[in-house]
């Protein structure tokens, strides 16, 4: 009897799931590559399924899922394929232990304990440092002054020490007694009176001195005012606007210093390279000074644009 006849006599329930799926695929005229593309699986995985070779580390749940997907792709009832898997003792779920998803939780708990321990140690170090600093401050407050300062106080001579009230009275009394014992010659006293200037002479001298001092002070104030007087730039152009006026000011280099409409009450100060080229839309509304000297704009009639150069 040939091998094909033996396979035909074999019941489908005794066939392995990979063989069932392979026969159905061949009946449909599909290749392993096409099945792999439909299921979005690796070609080697389809080959292993058809050869009933399953990876050792592969979980039984994944194997069943692959077989279900393959059965749907070729139009076979998935219960038939899974039944063949169970009857042939293919992949057993108890042979592969599922990976525990609690490992991450255990790791997180371990990390949190380490962090708590670290913060506890840090808090203890801070507390010890604070106590040490407080004790040092307390000891510094209770420390007596150095011996050198006390020695300096003891070495102060008695002559430099301040006198008490009784000692001062005693010295004053001695001075009075010395003055009484001293005799003054009448001739010497008269000569001293002659040499002493009169009150009127002293007043005249004082008044003369005050006049001289006042004159010197006034002269100094005048010089200070002259020195502190503001220095006006020879190129300073000042414009005051009594009403709205359009202007354009350019310096000697052609740079535009100011342009646009100026409102009533505004003022403008410009400092550039002379000569200035000035354009005024309403010259009757403008007053100008150049280096503090007024600029005569009376020659320009009202309602006409003034164009001129300064100076």
C-alpha atoms as a PDB file:
ATOM      1  CA  UNK A   1       0.000   0.000   0.000  1.00  0.00           C
ATOM      2  CA  UNK A   2       1.368   3.430  -0.951  1.00  0.00           C
ATOM      3  CA  UNK A   3       1.885   6.354   1.404  1.00  0.00           C
ATOM      4  CA  UNK A   4      -0.879   8.397  -0.275  1.00  0.00           C
ATOM      5  CA  UNK A   5      -3.455   5.671   0.330  1.00  0.00           C
ATOM      6  CA  UNK A   6      -2.405   5.481   3.971  1.00  0.00           C
ATOM      7  CA  UNK A   7      -2.861   9.262   4.341  1.00  0.00           C
ATOM      8  CA  UNK A   8      -6.298   9.069   2.731  1.00  0.00           C
ATOM      9  CA  UNK A   9      -7.369   6.349   5.150  1.00  0.00           C
ATOM     10  CA  UNK A  10      -6.080   8.390   8.119  1.00  0.00           C
ATOM     11  CA  UNK A  11      -8.902  10.224   9.880  1.00  0.00           C
ATOM     12  CA  UNK A  12      -8.724  14.012   9.841  1.00  0.00           C
ATOM     13  CA  UNK A  13      -8.904  14.150  13.597  1.00  0.00           C
ATOM     14  CA  UNK A  14      -5.565  12.356  13.809  1.00  0.00           C
ATOM     15  CA  UNK A  15      -3.844  14.820  11.539  1.00  0.00           C
ATOM     16  CA  UNK A  16      -1.702  17.521  13.077  1.00  0.00           C
ATOM     17  CA  UNK A  17      -2.957  21.100  12.781  1.00  0.00           C
ATOM     18  CA  UNK A  18      -0.077  22.203  10.555  1.00  0.00           C
ATOM     19  CA  UNK A  19      -0.831  19.409   8.059  1.00  0.00           C
ATOM     20  CA  UNK A  20      -4.526  20.376   7.896  1.00  0.00           C
ATOM     21  CA  UNK A  21      -3.679  24.021   7.247  1.00  0.00           C
ATOM     22  CA  UNK A  22      -1.080  23.115   4.618  1.00  0.00           C
ATOM     23  CA  UNK A  23      -3.506  20.914   2.657  1.00  0.00           C
ATOM     24  CA  UNK A  24      -6.159  23.588   2.661  1.00  0.00           C
ATOM     25  CA  UNK A  25      -3.663  26.204   1.505  1.00  0.00           C
ATOM     26  CA  UNK A  26      -2.544  24.001  -1.368  1.00  0.00           C
ATOM     27  CA  UNK A  27      -6.164  23.338  -2.342  1.00  0.00           C
ATOM     28  CA  UNK A  28      -6.712  27.097  -2.554  1.00  0.00           C
ATOM     29  CA  UNK A  29      -3.542  27.498  -4.630  1.00  0.00           C
ATOM     30  CA  UNK A  30      -1.931  29.927  -2.171  1.00  0.00           C
ATOM     31  CA  UNK A  31       1.727  30.101  -1.321  1.00  0.00           C
ATOM     32  CA  UNK A  32       3.278  30.389   2.114  1.00  0.00           C
ATOM     33  CA  UNK A  33       4.386  33.936   1.246  1.00  0.00           C
ATOM     34  CA  UNK A  34       0.832  34.983   0.475  1.00  0.00           C
ATOM     35  CA  UNK A  35      -0.443  33.584   3.779  1.00  0.00           C
ATOM     36  CA  UNK A  36       2.390  35.330   5.649  1.00  0.00           C
ATOM     37  CA  UNK A  37       1.500  38.643   3.968  1.00  0.00           C
ATOM     38  CA  UNK A  38      -2.192  38.259   4.817  1.00  0.00           C
ATOM     39  CA  UNK A  39      -1.503  37.489   8.464  1.00  0.00           C
ATOM     40  CA  UNK A  40       1.448  39.916   8.635  1.00  0.00           C
ATOM     41  CA  UNK A  41       3.654  37.214  10.095  1.00  0.00           C
ATOM     42  CA  UNK A  42       7.153  36.038   9.291  1.00  0.00           C
ATOM     43  CA  UNK A  43       7.477  33.466   6.508  1.00  0.00           C
ATOM     44  CA  UNK A  44       9.537  31.219   8.790  1.00  0.00           C
ATOM     45  CA  UNK A  45       6.687  31.179  11.321  1.00  0.00           C
ATOM     46  CA  UNK A  46       4.230  29.939   8.627  1.00  0.00           C
ATOM     47  CA  UNK A  47       6.751  27.260   7.593  1.00  0.00           C
ATOM     48  CA  UNK A  48       7.161  26.079  11.218  1.00  0.00           C
ATOM     49  CA  UNK A  49       3.374  25.903  11.684  1.00  0.00           C
ATOM     50  CA  UNK A  50       2.918  23.758   8.579  1.00  0.00           C
ATOM     51  CA  UNK A  51       5.770  21.510   9.701  1.00  0.00           C
ATOM     52  CA  UNK A  52       4.215  21.303  13.202  1.00  0.00           C
ATOM     53  CA  UNK A  53       7.364  22.714  14.743  1.00  0.00           C
ATOM     54  CA  UNK A  54       6.765  25.253  17.460  1.00  0.00           C
ATOM     55  CA  UNK A  55       9.368  27.356  19.175  1.00  0.00           C
ATOM     56  CA  UNK A  56      10.407  26.143  22.605  1.00  0.00           C
ATOM     57  CA  UNK A  57      10.031  29.536  24.256  1.00  0.00           C
ATOM     58  CA  UNK A  58       6.742  30.288  22.518  1.00  0.00           C
ATOM     59  CA  UNK A  59       3.719  30.594  24.801  1.00  0.00           C
ATOM     60  CA  UNK A  60       0.830  28.199  24.098  1.00  0.00           C
ATOM     61  CA  UNK A  61      -1.587  31.110  23.901  1.00  0.00           C
ATOM     62  CA  UNK A  62       0.380  32.665  21.047  1.00  0.00           C
ATOM     63  CA  UNK A  63       0.522  29.329  19.211  1.00  0.00           C
ATOM     64  CA  UNK A  64      -3.248  28.936  19.439  1.00  0.00           C
ATOM     65  CA  UNK A  65      -3.696  32.496  18.209  1.00  0.00           C
ATOM     66  CA  UNK A  66      -1.493  31.852  15.168  1.00  0.00           C
ATOM     67  CA  UNK A  67      -3.441  28.688  14.352  1.00  0.00           C
ATOM     68  CA  UNK A  68      -6.789  30.527  14.638  1.00  0.00           C
ATOM     69  CA  UNK A  69      -5.591  33.276  12.312  1.00  0.00           C
ATOM     70  CA  UNK A  70      -4.231  30.767   9.794  1.00  0.00           C
ATOM     71  CA  UNK A  71      -7.525  28.790   9.883  1.00  0.00           C
ATOM     72  CA  UNK A  72      -9.572  31.953   9.207  1.00  0.00           C
ATOM     73  CA  UNK A  73      -7.252  32.904   6.343  1.00  0.00           C
ATOM     74  CA  UNK A  74      -7.824  29.579   4.533  1.00  0.00           C
ATOM     75  CA  UNK A  75     -11.506  29.169   5.532  1.00  0.00           C
ATOM     76  CA  UNK A  76     -11.265  26.260   8.040  1.00  0.00           C
ATOM     77  CA  UNK A  77     -13.200  26.038  11.279  1.00  0.00           C
ATOM     78  CA  UNK A  78     -10.755  27.000  14.035  1.00  0.00           C
ATOM     79  CA  UNK A  79     -12.244  24.372  16.384  1.00  0.00           C
ATOM     80  CA  UNK A  80     -11.094  21.654  13.980  1.00  0.00           C
ATOM     81  CA  UNK A  81      -7.532  22.924  14.019  1.00  0.00           C
ATOM     82  CA  UNK A  82      -7.446  23.437  17.816  1.00  0.00           C
ATOM     83  CA  UNK A  83      -9.000  19.989  18.321  1.00  0.00           C
ATOM     84  CA  UNK A  84      -6.228  18.454  16.232  1.00  0.00           C
ATOM     85  CA  UNK A  85      -3.717  20.349  18.370  1.00  0.00           C
ATOM     86  CA  UNK A  86      -5.214  18.955  21.581  1.00  0.00           C
ATOM     87  CA  UNK A  87      -5.510  15.400  20.271  1.00  0.00           C
ATOM     88  CA  UNK A  88      -1.923  15.269  19.060  1.00  0.00           C
ATOM     89  CA  UNK A  89      -0.634  16.735  22.362  1.00  0.00           C
ATOM     90  CA  UNK A  90       0.974  19.670  20.664  1.00  0.00           C
ATOM     91  CA  UNK A  91       1.646  22.668  22.836  1.00  0.00           C
ATOM     92  CA  UNK A  92       0.594  22.641  26.472  1.00  0.00           C
ATOM     93  CA  UNK A  93       0.115  25.794  28.342  1.00  0.00           C
ATOM     94  CA  UNK A  94       1.460  24.354  31.578  1.00  0.00           C
ATOM     95  CA  UNK A  95       4.872  23.818  30.006  1.00  0.00           C
ATOM     96  CA  UNK A  96       5.436  27.587  29.661  1.00  0.00           C
ATOM     97  CA  UNK A  97       5.185  29.863  32.613  1.00  0.00           C
ATOM     98  CA  UNK A  98       3.694  33.251  31.950  1.00  0.00           C
ATOM     99  CA  UNK A  99       5.928  36.171  32.769  1.00  0.00           C
ATOM    100  CA  UNK A 100       4.825  37.998  35.882  1.00  0.00           C
ATOM    101  CA  UNK A 101       3.790  41.557  35.289  1.00  0.00           C
ATOM    102  CA  UNK A 102       4.283  42.335  38.970  1.00  0.00           C
ATOM    103  CA  UNK A 103       8.049  42.607  38.554  1.00  0.00           C
ATOM    104  CA  UNK A 104       7.720  46.238  37.601  1.00  0.00           C
ATOM    105  CA  UNK A 105       5.666  46.907  40.717  1.00  0.00           C
ATOM    106  CA  UNK A 106       8.261  45.188  42.884  1.00  0.00           C
ATOM    107  CA  UNK A 107      11.004  47.244  41.252  1.00  0.00           C
ATOM    108  CA  UNK A 108       9.073  50.458  41.847  1.00  0.00           C
ATOM    109  CA  UNK A 109       8.596  49.562  45.502  1.00  0.00           C
ATOM    110  CA  UNK A 110      12.293  48.816  45.863  1.00  0.00           C
ATOM    111  CA  UNK A 111      13.211  52.154  44.258  1.00  0.00           C
ATOM    112  CA  UNK A 112      10.780  54.046  46.483  1.00  0.00           C
ATOM    113  CA  UNK A 113      12.309  52.459  49.592  1.00  0.00           C
ATOM    114  CA  UNK A 114      15.778  53.498  48.473  1.00  0.00           C
ATOM    115  CA  UNK A 115      14.572  57.059  47.875  1.00  0.00           C
ATOM    116  CA  UNK A 116      12.932  57.220  51.323  1.00  0.00           C
ATOM    117  CA  UNK A 117      16.123  55.939  52.938  1.00  0.00           C
ATOM    118  CA  UNK A 118      18.202  58.508  51.041  1.00  0.00           C
ATOM    119  CA  UNK A 119      15.945  61.384  52.074  1.00  0.00           C
ATOM    120  CA  UNK A 120      16.019  60.151  55.687  1.00  0.00           C
ATOM    121  CA  UNK A 121      19.814  60.182  55.728  1.00  0.00           C
ATOM    122  CA  UNK A 122      19.824  63.650  54.158  1.00  0.00           C
ATOM    123  CA  UNK A 123      17.416  64.943  56.833  1.00  0.00           C
ATOM    124  CA  UNK A 124      19.584  63.504  59.625  1.00  0.00           C
ATOM    125  CA  UNK A 125      22.695  65.190  58.190  1.00  0.00           C
ATOM    126  CA  UNK A 126      20.893  68.540  58.023  1.00  0.00           C
ATOM    127  CA  UNK A 127      19.691  68.162  61.622  1.00  0.00           C
ATOM    128  CA  UNK A 128      23.188  67.346  62.920  1.00  0.00           C
ATOM    129  CA  UNK A 129      24.656  70.311  61.014  1.00  0.00           C
ATOM    130  CA  UNK A 130      22.035  72.659  62.487  1.00  0.00           C
ATOM    131  CA  UNK A 131      22.731  71.493  66.060  1.00  0.00           C
ATOM    132  CA  UNK A 132      26.476  71.872  65.538  1.00  0.00           C
ATOM    133  CA  UNK A 133      26.075  75.406  64.185  1.00  0.00           C
ATOM    134  CA  UNK A 134      23.777  76.388  67.084  1.00  0.00           C
ATOM    135  CA  UNK A 135      26.247  75.103  69.652  1.00  0.00           C
ATOM    136  CA  UNK A 136      29.117  77.038  68.037  1.00  0.00           C
ATOM    137  CA  UNK A 137      27.079  80.245  68.072  1.00  0.00           C
ATOM    138  CA  UNK A 138      26.237  79.717  71.736  1.00  0.00           C
ATOM    139  CA  UNK A 139      29.883  79.078  72.631  1.00  0.00           C
ATOM    140  CA  UNK A 140      30.985  82.222  70.771  1.00  0.00           C
ATOM    141  CA  UNK A 141      28.512  84.323  72.796  1.00  0.00           C
ATOM    142  CA  UNK A 142      29.804  82.898  76.087  1.00  0.00           C
ATOM    143  CA  UNK A 143      33.516  83.263  75.225  1.00  0.00           C
ATOM    144  CA  UNK A 144      35.238  85.965  77.437  1.00  0.00           C
ATOM    145  CA  UNK A 145      37.199  88.793  75.792  1.00  0.00           C
ATOM    146  CA  UNK A 146      40.802  87.958  74.885  1.00  0.00           C
ATOM    147  CA  UNK A 147      43.569  88.498  77.393  1.00  0.00           C
ATOM    148  CA  UNK A 148      45.321  91.036  75.145  1.00  0.00           C
ATOM    149  CA  UNK A 149      42.451  93.553  75.438  1.00  0.00           C
ATOM    150  CA  UNK A 150      42.485  93.258  79.225  1.00  0.00           C
ATOM    151  CA  UNK A 151      46.243  93.786  79.250  1.00  0.00           C
ATOM    152  CA  UNK A 152      45.834  96.911  77.129  1.00  0.00           C
ATOM    153  CA  UNK A 153      43.319  98.313  79.603  1.00  0.00           C
ATOM    154  CA  UNK A 154      45.647  97.646  82.512  1.00  0.00           C
ATOM    155  CA  UNK A 155      48.632  99.251  80.702  1.00  0.00           C
ATOM    156  CA  UNK A 156      46.900 102.642  80.226  1.00  0.00           C
ATOM    157  CA  UNK A 157      49.016 105.245  82.105  1.00  0.00           C
ATOM    158  CA  UNK A 158      47.418 107.136  84.927  1.00  0.00           C
ATOM    159  CA  UNK A 159      48.236 110.469  83.267  1.00  0.00           C
ATOM    160  CA  UNK A 160      46.046 109.595  80.232  1.00  0.00           C
ATOM    161  CA  UNK A 161      43.105 108.463  82.338  1.00  0.00           C
ATOM    162  CA  UNK A 162      40.280 111.013  82.727  1.00  0.00           C
ATOM    163  CA  UNK A 163      40.255 112.928  86.032  1.00  0.00           C
ATOM    164  CA  UNK A 164      37.409 112.681  88.440  1.00  0.00           C
ATOM    165  CA  UNK A 165      35.396 115.683  89.661  1.00  0.00           C
ATOM    166  CA  UNK A 166      37.352 115.966  92.951  1.00  0.00           C
ATOM    167  CA  UNK A 167      40.676 115.938  91.101  1.00  0.00           C
ATOM    168  CA  UNK A 168      39.432 118.665  88.740  1.00  0.00           C
ATOM    169  CA  UNK A 169      38.399 120.881  91.667  1.00  0.00           C
ATOM    170  CA  UNK A 170      41.785 120.389  93.291  1.00  0.00           C
ATOM    171  CA  UNK A 171      43.626 121.468  90.121  1.00  0.00           C
ATOM    172  CA  UNK A 172      41.411 124.561  89.763  1.00  0.00           C
ATOM    173  CA  UNK A 173      42.095 125.541  93.362  1.00  0.00           C
ATOM    174  CA  UNK A 174      45.858 125.295  92.813  1.00  0.00           C
ATOM    175  CA  UNK A 175      45.601 127.483  89.713  1.00  0.00           C
ATOM    176  CA  UNK A 176      43.740 130.204  91.675  1.00  0.00           C
ATOM    177  CA  UNK A 177      46.319 130.187  94.437  1.00  0.00           C
ATOM    178  CA  UNK A 178      49.137 130.562  91.880  1.00  0.00           C
ATOM    179  CA  UNK A 179      47.366 133.532  90.308  1.00  0.00           C
ATOM    180  CA  UNK A 180      46.966 135.297  93.641  1.00  0.00           C
ATOM    181  CA  UNK A 181      50.615 134.813  94.481  1.00  0.00           C
ATOM    182  CA  UNK A 182      51.681 136.380  91.170  1.00  0.00           C
ATOM    183  CA  UNK A 183      52.278 140.171  91.467  1.00  0.00           C
ATOM    184  CA  UNK A 184      51.632 142.422  88.526  1.00  0.00           C
ATOM    185  CA  UNK A 185      53.803 145.554  87.953  1.00  0.00           C
ATOM    186  CA  UNK A 186      51.675 148.747  87.398  1.00  0.00           C
ATOM    187  CA  UNK A 187      54.002 149.945  84.645  1.00  0.00           C
ATOM    188  CA  UNK A 188      53.721 146.634  82.833  1.00  0.00           C
ATOM    189  CA  UNK A 189      49.927 146.768  83.063  1.00  0.00           C
ATOM    190  CA  UNK A 190      49.795 150.305  81.603  1.00  0.00           C
ATOM    191  CA  UNK A 191      52.081 149.318  78.742  1.00  0.00           C
ATOM    192  CA  UNK A 192      49.884 146.339  78.064  1.00  0.00           C
ATOM    193  CA  UNK A 193      46.812 148.562  77.992  1.00  0.00           C
ATOM    194  CA  UNK A 194      48.508 150.914  75.485  1.00  0.00           C
ATOM    195  CA  UNK A 195      49.457 148.005  73.241  1.00  0.00           C
ATOM    196  CA  UNK A 196      45.902 146.607  73.357  1.00  0.00           C
ATOM    197  CA  UNK A 197      43.784 147.927  70.424  1.00  0.00           C
ATOM    198  CA  UNK A 198      40.560 149.760  71.186  1.00  0.00           C
ATOM    199  CA  UNK A 199      37.105 148.318  70.580  1.00  0.00           C
ATOM    200  CA  UNK A 200      36.404 150.777  67.737  1.00  0.00           C
ATOM    201  CA  UNK A 201      39.624 149.828  65.941  1.00  0.00           C
ATOM    202  CA  UNK A 202      38.686 146.150  66.274  1.00  0.00           C
ATOM    203  CA  UNK A 203      35.193 146.796  64.841  1.00  0.00           C
ATOM    204  CA  UNK A 204      36.598 148.785  61.890  1.00  0.00           C
ATOM    205  CA  UNK A 205      39.080 146.015  61.138  1.00  0.00           C
ATOM    206  CA  UNK A 206      36.331 143.388  61.354  1.00  0.00           C
ATOM    207  CA  UNK A 207      34.048 145.346  58.999  1.00  0.00           C
ATOM    208  CA  UNK A 208      36.878 145.793  56.503  1.00  0.00           C
ATOM    209  CA  UNK A 209      37.629 142.081  56.609  1.00  0.00           C
ATOM    210  CA  UNK A 210      33.949 141.229  56.047  1.00  0.00           C
ATOM    211  CA  UNK A 211      33.789 143.535  53.009  1.00  0.00           C
ATOM    212  CA  UNK A 212      36.893 141.922  51.548  1.00  0.00           C
ATOM    213  CA  UNK A 213      35.438 138.431  52.123  1.00  0.00           C
ATOM    214  CA  UNK A 214      32.076 139.459  50.560  1.00  0.00           C
ATOM    215  CA  UNK A 215      33.849 140.854  47.503  1.00  0.00           C
ATOM    216  CA  UNK A 216      35.854 137.680  47.093  1.00  0.00           C
ATOM    217  CA  UNK A 217      32.697 135.537  47.454  1.00  0.00           C
ATOM    218  CA  UNK A 218      30.802 137.576  44.858  1.00  0.00           C
ATOM    219  CA  UNK A 219      33.697 137.319  42.428  1.00  0.00           C
ATOM    220  CA  UNK A 220      33.880 133.554  42.940  1.00  0.00           C
ATOM    221  CA  UNK A 221      30.095 133.207  42.410  1.00  0.00           C
ATOM    222  CA  UNK A 222      30.338 135.204  39.183  1.00  0.00           C
ATOM    223  CA  UNK A 223      33.146 133.004  37.928  1.00  0.00           C
ATOM    224  CA  UNK A 224      31.198 129.848  38.849  1.00  0.00           C
ATOM    225  CA  UNK A 225      28.104 131.097  36.999  1.00  0.00           C
ATOM    226  CA  UNK A 226      30.162 131.920  33.949  1.00  0.00           C
ATOM    227  CA  UNK A 227      31.812 128.519  34.037  1.00  0.00           C
ATOM    228  CA  UNK A 228      28.543 126.645  34.591  1.00  0.00           C
ATOM    229  CA  UNK A 229      26.589 128.506  31.887  1.00  0.00           C
ATOM    230  CA  UNK A 230      25.230 126.040  29.324  1.00  0.00           C
ATOM    231  CA  UNK A 231      27.259 125.790  26.160  1.00  0.00           C
ATOM    232  CA  UNK A 232      25.009 126.008  23.126  1.00  0.00           C
ATOM    233  CA  UNK A 233      26.029 123.909  20.156  1.00  0.00           C
ATOM    234  CA  UNK A 234      26.600 126.019  17.027  1.00  0.00           C
ATOM    235  CA  UNK A 235      24.584 123.454  15.040  1.00  0.00           C
ATOM    236  CA  UNK A 236      21.606 123.277  17.420  1.00  0.00           C
ATOM    237  CA  UNK A 237      18.350 123.879  15.555  1.00  0.00           C
ATOM    238  CA  UNK A 238      15.268 124.412  17.742  1.00  0.00           C
ATOM    239  CA  UNK A 239      11.740 124.525  16.293  1.00  0.00           C
ATOM    240  CA  UNK A 240       8.501 125.404  18.130  1.00  0.00           C
ATOM    241  CA  UNK A 241       5.108 124.794  16.533  1.00  0.00           C
ATOM    242  CA  UNK A 242       2.084 127.010  17.177  1.00  0.00           C
ATOM    243  CA  UNK A 243      -0.142 124.941  14.869  1.00  0.00           C
ATOM    244  CA  UNK A 244       0.081 121.820  12.685  1.00  0.00           C
ATOM    245  CA  UNK A 245       2.883 121.929  10.143  1.00  0.00           C
ATOM    246  CA  UNK A 246       4.505 119.408   7.824  1.00  0.00           C
ATOM    247  CA  UNK A 247       8.324 119.556   7.880  1.00  0.00           C
ATOM    248  CA  UNK A 248      11.377 117.926   6.356  1.00  0.00           C
ATOM    249  CA  UNK A 249      14.902 118.656   7.675  1.00  0.00           C
ATOM    250  CA  UNK A 250      18.102 117.286   6.097  1.00  0.00           C
ATOM    251  CA  UNK A 251      21.708 117.980   7.072  1.00  0.00           C
ATOM    252  CA  UNK A 252      24.753 118.574   4.866  1.00  0.00           C
ATOM    253  CA  UNK A 253      25.285 114.837   4.310  1.00  0.00           C
ATOM    254  CA  UNK A 254      21.743 114.439   2.971  1.00  0.00           C
ATOM    255  CA  UNK A 255      20.558 112.489   6.030  1.00  0.00           C
ATOM    256  CA  UNK A 256      16.933 113.163   6.967  1.00  0.00           C
ATOM    257  CA  UNK A 257      16.836 114.415  10.544  1.00  0.00           C
ATOM    258  CA  UNK A 258      13.078 114.924  10.839  1.00  0.00           C
ATOM    259  CA  UNK A 259      10.018 114.558   8.625  1.00  0.00           C
ATOM    260  CA  UNK A 260       6.264 114.403   9.027  1.00  0.00           C
ATOM    261  CA  UNK A 261       3.482 116.471  10.594  1.00  0.00           C
ATOM    262  CA  UNK A 262       4.178 118.188  13.903  1.00  0.00           C
ATOM    263  CA  UNK A 263       1.276 119.117  16.148  1.00  0.00           C
ATOM    264  CA  UNK A 264       0.604 122.408  17.884  1.00  0.00           C
ATOM    265  CA  UNK A 265       2.572 122.841  21.101  1.00  0.00           C
ATOM    266  CA  UNK A 266       5.347 120.460  20.104  1.00  0.00           C
ATOM    267  CA  UNK A 267       9.015 121.414  20.009  1.00  0.00           C
ATOM    268  CA  UNK A 268      11.912 119.833  18.146  1.00  0.00           C
ATOM    269  CA  UNK A 269      15.690 120.010  18.718  1.00  0.00           C
ATOM    270  CA  UNK A 270      18.097 118.852  15.996  1.00  0.00           C
ATOM    271  CA  UNK A 271      21.887 118.750  15.985  1.00  0.00           C
ATOM    272  CA  UNK A 272      23.503 117.752  12.709  1.00  0.00           C
ATOM    273  CA  UNK A 273      25.981 118.915  10.093  1.00  0.00           C
ATOM    274  CA  UNK A 274      25.306 122.341   8.629  1.00  0.00           C
ATOM    275  CA  UNK A 275      23.976 123.638   6.331  1.00  0.00           C
ATOM    276  CA  UNK A 276      20.402 122.421   6.931  1.00  0.00           C
ATOM    277  CA  UNK A 277      17.925 122.068   4.069  1.00  0.00           C
ATOM    278  CA  UNK A 278      14.518 122.988   5.472  1.00  0.00           C
ATOM    279  CA  UNK A 279      11.046 122.485   3.981  1.00  0.00           C
ATOM    280  CA  UNK A 280       8.042 123.905   5.874  1.00  0.00           C
ATOM    281  CA  UNK A 281       4.466 123.303   4.757  1.00  0.00           C
ATOM    282  CA  UNK A 282       3.074 126.150   6.914  1.00  0.00           C
ATOM    283  CA  UNK A 283       5.949 128.485   7.841  1.00  0.00           C
ATOM    284  CA  UNK A 284       3.612 130.917   9.626  1.00  0.00           C
ATOM    285  CA  UNK A 285       3.048 128.265  12.326  1.00  0.00           C
ATOM    286  CA  UNK A 286       6.752 127.745  13.114  1.00  0.00           C
ATOM    287  CA  UNK A 287       9.379 129.689  15.080  1.00  0.00           C
ATOM    288  CA  UNK A 288      13.031 128.645  14.746  1.00  0.00           C
ATOM    289  CA  UNK A 289      16.391 129.354  16.376  1.00  0.00           C
ATOM    290  CA  UNK A 290      19.838 128.284  15.189  1.00  0.00           C
ATOM    291  CA  UNK A 291      22.539 128.299  17.867  1.00  0.00           C
ATOM    292  CA  UNK A 292      20.134 130.362  20.062  1.00  0.00           C
ATOM    293  CA  UNK A 293      19.778 132.945  17.282  1.00  0.00           C
ATOM    294  CA  UNK A 294      16.225 133.471  15.899  1.00  0.00           C
ATOM    295  CA  UNK A 295      15.567 132.633  12.263  1.00  0.00           C
ATOM    296  CA  UNK A 296      13.498 135.219  10.352  1.00  0.00           C
ATOM    297  CA  UNK A 297      10.547 133.544   8.590  1.00  0.00           C
ATOM    298  CA  UNK A 298       8.534 136.712   7.929  1.00  0.00           C
ATOM    299  CA  UNK A 299       9.476 136.717   4.257  1.00  0.00           C
ATOM    300  CA  UNK A 300       7.451 133.560   3.581  1.00  0.00           C
ATOM    301  CA  UNK A 301       3.790 134.179   2.865  1.00  0.00           C
ATOM    302  CA  UNK A 302       1.036 132.187   4.520  1.00  0.00           C
ATOM    303  CA  UNK A 303      -0.352 129.200   2.590  1.00  0.00           C
ATOM    304  CA  UNK A 304       2.841 128.561   0.627  1.00  0.00           C
ATOM    305  CA  UNK A 305       5.609 126.020   1.195  1.00  0.00           C
ATOM    306  CA  UNK A 306       8.924 127.479   2.407  1.00  0.00           C
ATOM    307  CA  UNK A 307      12.151 125.966   1.116  1.00  0.00           C
ATOM    308  CA  UNK A 308      15.464 127.388   2.340  1.00  0.00           C
ATOM    309  CA  UNK A 309      18.928 126.503   3.626  1.00  0.00           C
ATOM    310  CA  UNK A 310      20.406 127.331   7.065  1.00  0.00           C
ATOM    311  CA  UNK A 311      22.625 129.190   7.500  1.00  0.00           C
END
